Amino acid sequence: SRGEIGRARLRAVGLGYLRFARGETGLFLTAFSGARHVGERDTNPERAGPGGLNPFELLSAALDEMQAGGALAAEHRPNAEYLAWSSVHGLAMLAIDGPLARLTEEQFGALGQALVEMVERGLR
């Protein structure tokens, strides 16, 4: 169903974001250093993936798909991308240069999976 497709995309975007943050920390931090334009106003084609969408747009598209498929109530859709993004970004920053920096890859992966599942449940 469209709702399940949207959920799968939401998980993929969140987990991909975390993998990039942990695996390409220098690039990740560079992307956010002083970058007030990152997000929905970011029209730089260099930040887009093969499908032409940047990460924020991919997240928004996944949430739109969830709503269209009935997996996200219309009243919960406004600004949902900011709730999801801030949760995943927060974990990424805690694991890069914070109290979670000593997590093993396995621990970080498990925590990331749990966080993305929590975000998905909370957005319904």
PDB file of N, CA and C in Angstrom:
ATOM      1  N   SER A   1       0.840  -1.191   0.000  1.00  0.00           N
ATOM      2  CA  SER A   1       0.000   0.000   0.000  1.00  0.00           C
ATOM      3  C   SER A   1       0.882   1.250   0.000  1.00  0.00           C
ATOM      4  N   ARG A   2       0.290   2.367  -0.362  1.00  0.00           N
ATOM      5  CA  ARG A   2       1.042   3.630  -0.379  1.00  0.00           C
ATOM      6  C   ARG A   2       1.552   3.991   1.005  1.00  0.00           C
ATOM      7  N   GLY A   3       0.756   3.679   2.029  1.00  0.00           N
ATOM      8  CA  GLY A   3       1.191   3.964   3.392  1.00  0.00           C
ATOM      9  C   GLY A   3       2.439   3.186   3.761  1.00  0.00           C
ATOM     10  N   GLU A   4       2.466   1.908   3.387  1.00  0.00           N
ATOM     11  CA  GLU A   4       3.642   1.074   3.677  1.00  0.00           C
ATOM     12  C   GLU A   4       4.858   1.542   2.880  1.00  0.00           C
ATOM     13  N   ILE A   5       4.631   1.947   1.635  1.00  0.00           N
ATOM     14  CA  ILE A   5       5.731   2.474   0.820  1.00  0.00           C
ATOM     15  C   ILE A   5       6.288   3.735   1.470  1.00  0.00           C
ATOM     16  N   GLY A   6       5.411   4.608   1.922  1.00  0.00           N
ATOM     17  CA  GLY A   6       5.851   5.824   2.602  1.00  0.00           C
ATOM     18  C   GLY A   6       6.634   5.527   3.863  1.00  0.00           C
ATOM     19  N   ARG A   7       6.163   4.555   4.634  1.00  0.00           N
ATOM     20  CA  ARG A   7       6.890   4.158   5.854  1.00  0.00           C
ATOM     21  C   ARG A   7       8.280   3.627   5.512  1.00  0.00           C
ATOM     22  N   ALA A   8       8.357   2.801   4.489  1.00  0.00           N
ATOM     23  CA  ALA A   8       9.651   2.245   4.077  1.00  0.00           C
ATOM     24  C   ALA A   8      10.589   3.363   3.628  1.00  0.00           C
ATOM     25  N   ARG A   9      10.055   4.333   2.923  1.00  0.00           N
ATOM     26  CA  ARG A   9      10.879   5.467   2.490  1.00  0.00           C
ATOM     27  C   ARG A   9      11.325   6.308   3.671  1.00  0.00           C
ATOM     28  N   LEU A  10      10.432   6.517   4.631  1.00  0.00           N
ATOM     29  CA  LEU A  10      10.795   7.272   5.827  1.00  0.00           C
ATOM     30  C   LEU A  10      11.954   6.579   6.548  1.00  0.00           C
ATOM     31  N   ARG A  11      11.852   5.276   6.724  1.00  0.00           N
ATOM     32  CA  ARG A  11      12.930   4.521   7.382  1.00  0.00           C
ATOM     33  C   ARG A  11      14.230   4.618   6.582  1.00  0.00           C
ATOM     34  N   ALA A  12      14.134   4.487   5.260  1.00  0.00           N
ATOM     35  CA  ALA A  12      15.330   4.542   4.419  1.00  0.00           C
ATOM     36  C   ALA A  12      16.007   5.914   4.502  1.00  0.00           C
ATOM     37  N   VAL A  13      15.222   6.978   4.484  1.00  0.00           N
ATOM     38  CA  VAL A  13      15.794   8.319   4.575  1.00  0.00           C
ATOM     39  C   VAL A  13      16.477   8.499   5.931  1.00  0.00           C
ATOM     40  N   GLY A  14      15.795   8.114   7.002  1.00  0.00           N
ATOM     41  CA  GLY A  14      16.364   8.280   8.341  1.00  0.00           C
ATOM     42  C   GLY A  14      17.633   7.466   8.540  1.00  0.00           C
ATOM     43  N   LEU A  15      17.595   6.209   8.152  1.00  0.00           N
ATOM     44  CA  LEU A  15      18.768   5.351   8.331  1.00  0.00           C
ATOM     45  C   LEU A  15      19.908   5.768   7.413  1.00  0.00           C
ATOM     46  N   GLY A  16      19.579   6.210   6.199  1.00  0.00           N
ATOM     47  CA  GLY A  16      20.615   6.707   5.295  1.00  0.00           C
ATOM     48  C   GLY A  16      21.292   7.950   5.850  1.00  0.00           C
ATOM     49  N   TYR A  17      20.509   8.825   6.437  1.00  0.00           N
ATOM     50  CA  TYR A  17      21.029  10.038   7.058  1.00  0.00           C
ATOM     51  C   TYR A  17      22.015   9.673   8.167  1.00  0.00           C
ATOM     52  N   LEU A  18      21.632   8.717   8.991  1.00  0.00           N
ATOM     53  CA  LEU A  18      22.508   8.305  10.097  1.00  0.00           C
ATOM     54  C   LEU A  18      23.779   7.629   9.578  1.00  0.00           C
ATOM     55  N   ARG A  19      23.649   6.785   8.563  1.00  0.00           N
ATOM     56  CA  ARG A  19      24.840   6.135   7.987  1.00  0.00           C
ATOM     57  C   ARG A  19      25.799   7.174   7.424  1.00  0.00           C
ATOM     58  N   PHE A  20      25.248   8.162   6.731  1.00  0.00           N
ATOM     59  CA  PHE A  20      26.087   9.221   6.168  1.00  0.00           C
ATOM     60  C   PHE A  20      26.770  10.011   7.278  1.00  0.00           C
ATOM     61  N   ALA A  21      26.027  10.349   8.311  1.00  0.00           N
ATOM     62  CA  ALA A  21      26.600  11.123   9.423  1.00  0.00           C
ATOM     63  C   ALA A  21      27.756  10.387  10.072  1.00  0.00           C
ATOM     64  N   ARG A  22      27.603   9.111  10.262  1.00  0.00           N
ATOM     65  CA  ARG A  22      28.631   8.320  10.955  1.00  0.00           C
ATOM     66  C   ARG A  22      29.757   7.921  10.010  1.00  0.00           C
ATOM     67  N   GLY A  23      29.419   7.616   8.764  1.00  0.00           N
ATOM     68  CA  GLY A  23      30.427   7.138   7.813  1.00  0.00           C
ATOM     69  C   GLY A  23      31.193   8.231   7.103  1.00  0.00           C
ATOM     70  N   GLU A  24      30.575   9.385   6.949  1.00  0.00           N
ATOM     71  CA  GLU A  24      31.191  10.524   6.253  1.00  0.00           C
ATOM     72  C   GLU A  24      31.081  11.756   7.140  1.00  0.00           C
ATOM     73  N   THR A  25      31.591  11.625   8.344  1.00  0.00           N
ATOM     74  CA  THR A  25      31.422  12.664   9.359  1.00  0.00           C
ATOM     75  C   THR A  25      31.912  14.026   8.889  1.00  0.00           C
ATOM     76  N   GLY A  26      33.065  14.072   8.250  1.00  0.00           N
ATOM     77  CA  GLY A  26      33.603  15.355   7.778  1.00  0.00           C
ATOM     78  C   GLY A  26      32.664  16.033   6.794  1.00  0.00           C
ATOM     79  N   LEU A  27      32.167  15.279   5.833  1.00  0.00           N
ATOM     80  CA  LEU A  27      31.223  15.834   4.857  1.00  0.00           C
ATOM     81  C   LEU A  27      29.921  16.239   5.530  1.00  0.00           C
ATOM     82  N   PHE A  28      29.452  15.410   6.450  1.00  0.00           N
ATOM     83  CA  PHE A  28      28.215  15.703   7.163  1.00  0.00           C
ATOM     84  C   PHE A  28      28.337  17.019   7.927  1.00  0.00           C
ATOM     85  N   LEU A  29      29.400  17.172   8.684  1.00  0.00           N
ATOM     86  CA  LEU A  29      29.583  18.397   9.470  1.00  0.00           C
ATOM     87  C   LEU A  29      29.774  19.608   8.571  1.00  0.00           C
ATOM     88  N   THR A  30      30.479  19.432   7.465  1.00  0.00           N
ATOM     89  CA  THR A  30      30.668  20.520   6.516  1.00  0.00           C
ATOM     90  C   THR A  30      29.330  20.978   5.940  1.00  0.00           C
ATOM     91  N   ALA A  31      28.469  20.027   5.653  1.00  0.00           N
ATOM     92  CA  ALA A  31      27.155  20.361   5.088  1.00  0.00           C
ATOM     93  C   ALA A  31      26.331  21.219   6.033  1.00  0.00           C
ATOM     94  N   PHE A  32      26.557  21.082   7.328  1.00  0.00           N
ATOM     95  CA  PHE A  32      25.749  21.821   8.297  1.00  0.00           C
ATOM     96  C   PHE A  32      26.473  22.979   8.961  1.00  0.00           C
ATOM     97  N   SER A  33      27.746  23.178   8.646  1.00  0.00           N
ATOM     98  CA  SER A  33      28.464  24.278   9.272  1.00  0.00           C
ATOM     99  C   SER A  33      27.996  25.604   8.687  1.00  0.00           C
ATOM    100  N   GLY A  34      27.283  26.365   9.483  1.00  0.00           N
ATOM    101  CA  GLY A  34      26.796  27.668   9.065  1.00  0.00           C
ATOM    102  C   GLY A  34      25.784  27.622   7.934  1.00  0.00           C
ATOM    103  N   ALA A  35      25.228  26.447   7.662  1.00  0.00           N
ATOM    104  CA  ALA A  35      24.316  26.292   6.520  1.00  0.00           C
ATOM    105  C   ALA A  35      22.880  26.520   6.959  1.00  0.00           C
ATOM    106  N   ARG A  36      22.469  27.755   6.932  1.00  0.00           N
ATOM    107  CA  ARG A  36      21.089  28.065   7.306  1.00  0.00           C
ATOM    108  C   ARG A  36      20.114  27.732   6.193  1.00  0.00           C
ATOM    109  N   HIS A  37      20.635  27.453   5.005  1.00  0.00           N
ATOM    110  CA  HIS A  37      19.777  27.192   3.857  1.00  0.00           C
ATOM    111  C   HIS A  37      19.439  25.718   3.678  1.00  0.00           C
ATOM    112  N   VAL A  38      20.053  24.834   4.434  1.00  0.00           N
ATOM    113  CA  VAL A  38      19.781  23.416   4.274  1.00  0.00           C
ATOM    114  C   VAL A  38      18.334  23.144   4.665  1.00  0.00           C
ATOM    115  N   GLY A  39      17.621  22.465   3.822  1.00  0.00           N
ATOM    116  CA  GLY A  39      16.214  22.174   4.093  1.00  0.00           C
ATOM    117  C   GLY A  39      15.362  22.477   2.888  1.00  0.00           C
ATOM    118  N   GLU A  40      14.161  22.924   3.138  1.00  0.00           N
ATOM    119  CA  GLU A  40      13.218  23.108   2.036  1.00  0.00           C
ATOM    120  C   GLU A  40      13.614  24.244   1.109  1.00  0.00           C
ATOM    121  N   ARG A  41      14.423  25.180   1.556  1.00  0.00           N
ATOM    122  CA  ARG A  41      14.840  26.296   0.700  1.00  0.00           C
ATOM    123  C   ARG A  41      16.141  26.002  -0.035  1.00  0.00           C
ATOM    124  N   ASP A  42      16.690  24.839   0.158  1.00  0.00           N
ATOM    125  CA  ASP A  42      17.958  24.459  -0.468  1.00  0.00           C
ATOM    126  C   ASP A  42      17.686  24.019  -1.905  1.00  0.00           C
ATOM    127  N   THR A  43      17.989  24.878  -2.848  1.00  0.00           N
ATOM    128  CA  THR A  43      17.748  24.553  -4.252  1.00  0.00           C
ATOM    129  C   THR A  43      19.036  24.223  -4.997  1.00  0.00           C
ATOM    130  N   ASN A  44      20.129  24.059  -4.274  1.00  0.00           N
ATOM    131  CA  ASN A  44      21.407  23.735  -4.894  1.00  0.00           C
ATOM    132  C   ASN A  44      21.332  22.323  -5.492  1.00  0.00           C
ATOM    133  N   PRO A  45      21.431  22.199  -6.822  1.00  0.00           N
ATOM    134  CA  PRO A  45      21.329  20.876  -7.442  1.00  0.00           C
ATOM    135  C   PRO A  45      22.453  19.928  -7.029  1.00  0.00           C
ATOM    136  N   GLU A  46      23.556  20.471  -6.520  1.00  0.00           N
ATOM    137  CA  GLU A  46      24.662  19.622  -6.074  1.00  0.00           C
ATOM    138  C   GLU A  46      24.305  18.837  -4.821  1.00  0.00           C
ATOM    139  N   ARG A  47      23.286  19.266  -4.099  1.00  0.00           N
ATOM    140  CA  ARG A  47      22.864  18.564  -2.888  1.00  0.00           C
ATOM    141  C   ARG A  47      21.783  17.520  -3.184  1.00  0.00           C
ATOM    142  N   ALA A  48      21.336  17.467  -4.418  1.00  0.00           N
ATOM    143  CA  ALA A  48      20.287  16.522  -4.805  1.00  0.00           C
ATOM    144  C   ALA A  48      20.890  15.159  -5.124  1.00  0.00           C
ATOM    145  N   GLY A  49      20.094  14.140  -4.899  1.00  0.00           N
ATOM    146  CA  GLY A  49      20.508  12.789  -5.230  1.00  0.00           C
ATOM    147  C   GLY A  49      20.175  12.464  -6.674  1.00  0.00           C
ATOM    148  N   PRO A  50      20.334  11.207  -7.054  1.00  0.00           N
ATOM    149  CA  PRO A  50      20.071  10.801  -8.442  1.00  0.00           C
ATOM    150  C   PRO A  50      18.642  11.097  -8.909  1.00  0.00           C
ATOM    151  N   GLY A  51      17.690  11.106  -7.996  1.00  0.00           N
ATOM    152  CA  GLY A  51      16.305  11.387  -8.358  1.00  0.00           C
ATOM    153  C   GLY A  51      15.984  12.870  -8.417  1.00  0.00           C
ATOM    154  N   GLY A  52      16.980  13.727  -8.156  1.00  0.00           N
ATOM    155  CA  GLY A  52      16.773  15.164  -8.223  1.00  0.00           C
ATOM    156  C   GLY A  52      16.287  15.799  -6.939  1.00  0.00           C
ATOM    157  N   LEU A  53      16.113  15.004  -5.875  1.00  0.00           N
ATOM    158  CA  LEU A  53      15.631  15.538  -4.604  1.00  0.00           C
ATOM    159  C   LEU A  53      16.751  15.581  -3.575  1.00  0.00           C
ATOM    160  N   ASN A  54      16.738  16.632  -2.761  1.00  0.00           N
ATOM    161  CA  ASN A  54      17.696  16.682  -1.654  1.00  0.00           C
ATOM    162  C   ASN A  54      17.125  15.865  -0.488  1.00  0.00           C
ATOM    163  N   PRO A  55      17.902  15.619   0.560  1.00  0.00           N
ATOM    164  CA  PRO A  55      17.404  14.794   1.666  1.00  0.00           C
ATOM    165  C   PRO A  55      16.115  15.314   2.300  1.00  0.00           C
ATOM    166  N   PHE A  56      15.982  16.621   2.448  1.00  0.00           N
ATOM    167  CA  PHE A  56      14.768  17.186   3.028  1.00  0.00           C
ATOM    168  C   PHE A  56      13.561  16.899   2.133  1.00  0.00           C
ATOM    169  N   GLU A  57      13.753  17.025   0.832  1.00  0.00           N
ATOM    170  CA  GLU A  57      12.675  16.744  -0.112  1.00  0.00           C
ATOM    171  C   GLU A  57      12.311  15.262  -0.121  1.00  0.00           C
ATOM    172  N   LEU A  58      13.303  14.394   0.027  1.00  0.00           N
ATOM    173  CA  LEU A  58      13.033  12.956   0.120  1.00  0.00           C
ATOM    174  C   LEU A  58      12.195  12.650   1.359  1.00  0.00           C
ATOM    175  N   LEU A  59      12.551  13.281   2.473  1.00  0.00           N
ATOM    176  CA  LEU A  59      11.789  13.105   3.703  1.00  0.00           C
ATOM    177  C   LEU A  59      10.355  13.598   3.525  1.00  0.00           C
ATOM    178  N   SER A  60      10.202  14.770   2.958  1.00  0.00           N
ATOM    179  CA  SER A  60       8.865  15.314   2.731  1.00  0.00           C
ATOM    180  C   SER A  60       8.043  14.410   1.822  1.00  0.00           C
ATOM    181  N   ALA A  61       8.661  13.879   0.777  1.00  0.00           N
ATOM    182  CA  ALA A  61       7.954  12.992  -0.148  1.00  0.00           C
ATOM    183  C   ALA A  61       7.507  11.716   0.555  1.00  0.00           C
ATOM    184  N   ALA A  62       8.348  11.175   1.434  1.00  0.00           N
ATOM    185  CA  ALA A  62       7.979   9.968   2.184  1.00  0.00           C
ATOM    186  C   ALA A  62       6.784  10.251   3.086  1.00  0.00           C
ATOM    187  N   LEU A  63       6.784  11.397   3.739  1.00  0.00           N
ATOM    188  CA  LEU A  63       5.666  11.761   4.614  1.00  0.00           C
ATOM    189  C   LEU A  63       4.388  12.002   3.812  1.00  0.00           C
ATOM    190  N   ASP A  64       4.521  12.624   2.651  1.00  0.00           N
ATOM    191  CA  ASP A  64       3.360  12.815   1.776  1.00  0.00           C
ATOM    192  C   ASP A  64       2.784  11.459   1.352  1.00  0.00           C
ATOM    193  N   GLU A  65       3.654  10.522   1.038  1.00  0.00           N
ATOM    194  CA  GLU A  65       3.219   9.179   0.639  1.00  0.00           C
ATOM    195  C   GLU A  65       2.521   8.476   1.802  1.00  0.00           C
ATOM    196  N   MET A  66       3.060   8.633   3.000  1.00  0.00           N
ATOM    197  CA  MET A  66       2.414   8.055   4.176  1.00  0.00           C
ATOM    198  C   MET A  66       1.009   8.622   4.352  1.00  0.00           C
ATOM    199  N   GLN A  67       0.877   9.932   4.213  1.00  0.00           N
ATOM    200  CA  GLN A  67      -0.435  10.558   4.372  1.00  0.00           C
ATOM    201  C   GLN A  67      -1.393  10.091   3.278  1.00  0.00           C
ATOM    202  N   ALA A  68      -0.918  10.062   2.051  1.00  0.00           N
ATOM    203  CA  ALA A  68      -1.776   9.650   0.934  1.00  0.00           C
ATOM    204  C   ALA A  68      -2.257   8.214   1.105  1.00  0.00           C
ATOM    205  N   GLY A  69      -1.431   7.387   1.740  1.00  0.00           N
ATOM    206  CA  GLY A  69      -1.792   5.985   1.951  1.00  0.00           C
ATOM    207  C   GLY A  69      -2.505   5.721   3.261  1.00  0.00           C
ATOM    208  N   GLY A  70      -2.801   6.762   4.020  1.00  0.00           N
ATOM    209  CA  GLY A  70      -3.530   6.601   5.270  1.00  0.00           C
ATOM    210  C   GLY A  70      -2.682   6.208   6.466  1.00  0.00           C
ATOM    211  N   ALA A  71      -1.366   6.224   6.311  1.00  0.00           N
ATOM    212  CA  ALA A  71      -0.480   5.854   7.413  1.00  0.00           C
ATOM    213  C   ALA A  71      -0.093   7.052   8.277  1.00  0.00           C
ATOM    214  N   LEU A  72      -0.488   8.243   7.864  1.00  0.00           N
ATOM    215  CA  LEU A  72      -0.207   9.466   8.607  1.00  0.00           C
ATOM    216  C   LEU A  72      -1.455  10.337   8.519  1.00  0.00           C
ATOM    217  N   ALA A  73      -2.029  10.636   9.664  1.00  0.00           N
ATOM    218  CA  ALA A  73      -3.240  11.461   9.692  1.00  0.00           C
ATOM    219  C   ALA A  73      -2.945  12.861   9.168  1.00  0.00           C
ATOM    220  N   ALA A  74      -3.873  13.420   8.437  1.00  0.00           N
ATOM    221  CA  ALA A  74      -3.698  14.749   7.843  1.00  0.00           C
ATOM    222  C   ALA A  74      -3.351  15.799   8.903  1.00  0.00           C
ATOM    223  N   GLU A  75      -3.940  15.685  10.076  1.00  0.00           N
ATOM    224  CA  GLU A  75      -3.658  16.683  11.118  1.00  0.00           C
ATOM    225  C   GLU A  75      -2.256  16.554  11.704  1.00  0.00           C
ATOM    226  N   HIS A  76      -1.591  15.426  11.461  1.00  0.00           N
ATOM    227  CA  HIS A  76      -0.221  15.240  11.942  1.00  0.00           C
ATOM    228  C   HIS A  76       0.820  15.555  10.873  1.00  0.00           C
ATOM    229  N   ARG A  77       0.386  15.823   9.650  1.00  0.00           N
ATOM    230  CA  ARG A  77       1.326  16.050   8.549  1.00  0.00           C
ATOM    231  C   ARG A  77       2.045  17.386   8.625  1.00  0.00           C
ATOM    232  N   PRO A  78       1.391  18.519   8.971  1.00  0.00           N
ATOM    233  CA  PRO A  78       2.111  19.801   8.964  1.00  0.00           C
ATOM    234  C   PRO A  78       3.354  19.771   9.851  1.00  0.00           C
ATOM    235  N   ASN A  79       4.473  20.124   9.252  1.00  0.00           N
ATOM    236  CA  ASN A  79       5.771  20.228   9.938  1.00  0.00           C
ATOM    237  C   ASN A  79       6.337  18.896  10.424  1.00  0.00           C
ATOM    238  N   ALA A  80       5.768  17.782  10.001  1.00  0.00           N
ATOM    239  CA  ALA A  80       6.265  16.478  10.447  1.00  0.00           C
ATOM    240  C   ALA A  80       7.717  16.267  10.042  1.00  0.00           C
ATOM    241  N   GLU A  81       8.139  16.850   8.912  1.00  0.00           N
ATOM    242  CA  GLU A  81       9.532  16.669   8.501  1.00  0.00           C
ATOM    243  C   GLU A  81      10.502  17.274   9.506  1.00  0.00           C
ATOM    244  N   TYR A  82      10.094  18.361  10.162  1.00  0.00           N
ATOM    245  CA  TYR A  82      10.980  18.972  11.156  1.00  0.00           C
ATOM    246  C   TYR A  82      11.093  18.102  12.408  1.00  0.00           C
ATOM    247  N   LEU A  83      10.016  17.445  12.777  1.00  0.00           N
ATOM    248  CA  LEU A  83      10.053  16.545  13.933  1.00  0.00           C
ATOM    249  C   LEU A  83      10.944  15.341  13.643  1.00  0.00           C
ATOM    250  N   ALA A  84      10.763  14.740  12.477  1.00  0.00           N
ATOM    251  CA  ALA A  84      11.566  13.579  12.109  1.00  0.00           C
ATOM    252  C   ALA A  84      13.034  13.962  11.945  1.00  0.00           C
ATOM    253  N   TRP A  85      13.281  15.051  11.230  1.00  0.00           N
ATOM    254  CA  TRP A  85      14.656  15.472  10.959  1.00  0.00           C
ATOM    255  C   TRP A  85      15.393  15.814  12.251  1.00  0.00           C
ATOM    256  N   SER A  86      14.757  16.561  13.140  1.00  0.00           N
ATOM    257  CA  SER A  86      15.449  16.960  14.362  1.00  0.00           C
ATOM    258  C   SER A  86      15.775  15.753  15.232  1.00  0.00           C
ATOM    259  N   SER A  87      14.922  14.751  15.226  1.00  0.00           N
ATOM    260  CA  SER A  87      15.203  13.536  16.008  1.00  0.00           C
ATOM    261  C   SER A  87      16.422  12.811  15.465  1.00  0.00           C
ATOM    262  N   VAL A  88      16.440  12.593  14.171  1.00  0.00           N
ATOM    263  CA  VAL A  88      17.540  11.845  13.555  1.00  0.00           C
ATOM    264  C   VAL A  88      18.830  12.668  13.603  1.00  0.00           C
ATOM    265  N   HIS A  89      18.724  13.960  13.341  1.00  0.00           N
ATOM    266  CA  HIS A  89      19.913  14.816  13.387  1.00  0.00           C
ATOM    267  C   HIS A  89      20.487  14.863  14.804  1.00  0.00           C
ATOM    268  N   GLY A  90      19.619  14.921  15.790  1.00  0.00           N
ATOM    269  CA  GLY A  90      20.081  14.931  17.179  1.00  0.00           C
ATOM    270  C   GLY A  90      20.891  13.690  17.518  1.00  0.00           C
ATOM    271  N   LEU A  91      20.400  12.527  17.119  1.00  0.00           N
ATOM    272  CA  LEU A  91      21.148  11.291  17.367  1.00  0.00           C
ATOM    273  C   LEU A  91      22.475  11.326  16.632  1.00  0.00           C
ATOM    274  N   ALA A  92      22.460  11.800  15.398  1.00  0.00           N
ATOM    275  CA  ALA A  92      23.709  11.869  14.630  1.00  0.00           C
ATOM    276  C   ALA A  92      24.741  12.733  15.349  1.00  0.00           C
ATOM    277  N   MET A  93      24.334  13.889  15.831  1.00  0.00           N
ATOM    278  CA  MET A  93      25.273  14.787  16.499  1.00  0.00           C
ATOM    279  C   MET A  93      25.761  14.215  17.824  1.00  0.00           C
ATOM    280  N   LEU A  94      24.880  13.568  18.567  1.00  0.00           N
ATOM    281  CA  LEU A  94      25.297  12.943  19.828  1.00  0.00           C
ATOM    282  C   LEU A  94      26.313  11.831  19.585  1.00  0.00           C
ATOM    283  N   ALA A  95      26.184  11.151  18.456  1.00  0.00           N
ATOM    284  CA  ALA A  95      27.089  10.045  18.147  1.00  0.00           C
ATOM    285  C   ALA A  95      28.381  10.518  17.486  1.00  0.00           C
ATOM    286  N   ILE A  96      28.374  11.707  16.922  1.00  0.00           N
ATOM    287  CA  ILE A  96      29.588  12.236  16.285  1.00  0.00           C
ATOM    288  C   ILE A  96      30.499  12.873  17.322  1.00  0.00           C
ATOM    289  N   ASP A  97      29.940  13.756  18.122  1.00  0.00           N
ATOM    290  CA  ASP A  97      30.775  14.535  19.039  1.00  0.00           C
ATOM    291  C   ASP A  97      30.051  14.764  20.352  1.00  0.00           C
ATOM    292  N   GLY A  98      29.540  13.701  20.919  1.00  0.00           N
ATOM    293  CA  GLY A  98      28.794  13.830  22.157  1.00  0.00           C
ATOM    294  C   GLY A  98      28.921  12.575  22.983  1.00  0.00           C
ATOM    295  N   PRO A  99      28.017  12.403  23.915  1.00  0.00           N
ATOM    296  CA  PRO A  99      28.109  11.280  24.839  1.00  0.00           C
ATOM    297  C   PRO A  99      27.904   9.907  24.184  1.00  0.00           C
ATOM    298  N   LEU A 100      27.451   9.876  22.934  1.00  0.00           N
ATOM    299  CA  LEU A 100      27.268   8.591  22.254  1.00  0.00           C
ATOM    300  C   LEU A 100      28.387   8.293  21.259  1.00  0.00           C
ATOM    301  N   ALA A 101      29.452   9.071  21.286  1.00  0.00           N
ATOM    302  CA  ALA A 101      30.542   8.913  20.322  1.00  0.00           C
ATOM    303  C   ALA A 101      31.261   7.573  20.460  1.00  0.00           C
ATOM    304  N   ARG A 102      31.175   6.945  21.593  1.00  0.00           N
ATOM    305  CA  ARG A 102      31.882   5.671  21.797  1.00  0.00           C
ATOM    306  C   ARG A 102      31.070   4.448  21.405  1.00  0.00           C
ATOM    307  N   LEU A 103      29.878   4.659  20.879  1.00  0.00           N
ATOM    308  CA  LEU A 103      29.067   3.517  20.449  1.00  0.00           C
ATOM    309  C   LEU A 103      29.774   2.761  19.329  1.00  0.00           C
ATOM    310  N   THR A 104      29.676   1.463  19.369  1.00  0.00           N
ATOM    311  CA  THR A 104      30.180   0.673  18.253  1.00  0.00           C
ATOM    312  C   THR A 104      29.229   0.852  17.068  1.00  0.00           C
ATOM    313  N   GLU A 105      29.659   0.435  15.907  1.00  0.00           N
ATOM    314  CA  GLU A 105      28.783   0.529  14.728  1.00  0.00           C
ATOM    315  C   GLU A 105      27.509  -0.277  14.950  1.00  0.00           C
ATOM    316  N   GLU A 106      27.646  -1.433  15.573  1.00  0.00           N
ATOM    317  CA  GLU A 106      26.480  -2.272  15.845  1.00  0.00           C
ATOM    318  C   GLU A 106      25.517  -1.568  16.808  1.00  0.00           C
ATOM    319  N   GLN A 107      26.044  -0.984  17.868  1.00  0.00           N
ATOM    320  CA  GLN A 107      25.209  -0.270  18.823  1.00  0.00           C
ATOM    321  C   GLN A 107      24.542   0.942  18.174  1.00  0.00           C
ATOM    322  N   PHE A 108      25.298   1.669  17.378  1.00  0.00           N
ATOM    323  CA  PHE A 108      24.759   2.847  16.697  1.00  0.00           C
ATOM    324  C   PHE A 108      23.667   2.439  15.708  1.00  0.00           C
ATOM    325  N   GLY A 109      23.895   1.356  14.990  1.00  0.00           N
ATOM    326  CA  GLY A 109      22.900   0.869  14.042  1.00  0.00           C
ATOM    327  C   GLY A 109      21.605   0.476  14.739  1.00  0.00           C
ATOM    328  N   ALA A 110      21.727  -0.228  15.853  1.00  0.00           N
ATOM    329  CA  ALA A 110      20.538  -0.655  16.601  1.00  0.00           C
ATOM    330  C   ALA A 110      19.795   0.552  17.181  1.00  0.00           C
ATOM    331  N   LEU A 111      20.536   1.509  17.702  1.00  0.00           N
ATOM    332  CA  LEU A 111      19.912   2.706  18.260  1.00  0.00           C
ATOM    333  C   LEU A 111      19.233   3.526  17.154  1.00  0.00           C
ATOM    334  N   GLY A 112      19.893   3.619  16.014  1.00  0.00           N
ATOM    335  CA  GLY A 112      19.309   4.327  14.881  1.00  0.00           C
ATOM    336  C   GLY A 112      18.024   3.677  14.405  1.00  0.00           C
ATOM    337  N   GLN A 113      18.026   2.363  14.321  1.00  0.00           N
ATOM    338  CA  GLN A 113      16.821   1.630  13.915  1.00  0.00           C
ATOM    339  C   GLN A 113      15.687   1.891  14.906  1.00  0.00           C
ATOM    340  N   ALA A 114      15.990   1.829  16.189  1.00  0.00           N
ATOM    341  CA  ALA A 114      14.971   2.069  17.214  1.00  0.00           C
ATOM    342  C   ALA A 114      14.438   3.498  17.131  1.00  0.00           C
ATOM    343  N   LEU A 115      15.320   4.465  16.874  1.00  0.00           N
ATOM    344  CA  LEU A 115      14.890   5.859  16.780  1.00  0.00           C
ATOM    345  C   LEU A 115      13.965   6.064  15.580  1.00  0.00           C
ATOM    346  N   VAL A 116      14.337   5.526  14.442  1.00  0.00           N
ATOM    347  CA  VAL A 116      13.510   5.689  13.245  1.00  0.00           C
ATOM    348  C   VAL A 116      12.141   5.033  13.446  1.00  0.00           C
ATOM    349  N   GLU A 117      12.114   3.881  14.092  1.00  0.00           N
ATOM    350  CA  GLU A 117      10.832   3.229  14.393  1.00  0.00           C
ATOM    351  C   GLU A 117       9.995   4.076  15.351  1.00  0.00           C
ATOM    352  N   MET A 118      10.650   4.696  16.335  1.00  0.00           N
ATOM    353  CA  MET A 118       9.943   5.571  17.272  1.00  0.00           C
ATOM    354  C   MET A 118       9.356   6.774  16.553  1.00  0.00           C
ATOM    355  N   VAL A 119      10.131   7.377  15.667  1.00  0.00           N
ATOM    356  CA  VAL A 119       9.643   8.522  14.901  1.00  0.00           C
ATOM    357  C   VAL A 119       8.434   8.109  14.070  1.00  0.00           C
ATOM    358  N   GLU A 120       8.540   6.973  13.407  1.00  0.00           N
ATOM    359  CA  GLU A 120       7.429   6.497  12.580  1.00  0.00           C
ATOM    360  C   GLU A 120       6.156   6.299  13.413  1.00  0.00           C
ATOM    361  N   ARG A 121       6.293   5.658  14.564  1.00  0.00           N
ATOM    362  CA  ARG A 121       5.130   5.449  15.441  1.00  0.00           C
ATOM    363  C   ARG A 121       4.549   6.770  15.915  1.00  0.00           C
ATOM    364  N   GLY A 122       5.413   7.709  16.243  1.00  0.00           N
ATOM    365  CA  GLY A 122       4.960   8.978  16.766  1.00  0.00           C
ATOM    366  C   GLY A 122       4.274   9.872  15.747  1.00  0.00           C
ATOM    367  N   LEU A 123       4.540   9.648  14.467  1.00  0.00           N
ATOM    368  CA  LEU A 123       3.969  10.485  13.431  1.00  0.00           C
ATOM    369  C   LEU A 123       2.572  10.066  13.002  1.00  0.00           C
ATOM    370  N   ARG A 124       2.118   8.926  13.394  1.00  0.00           N
ATOM    371  CA  ARG A 124       0.822   8.421  12.930  1.00  0.00           C
ATOM    372  C   ARG A 124      -0.265   9.337  13.375  1.00  0.00           C
TER     373      ARG A 124
END
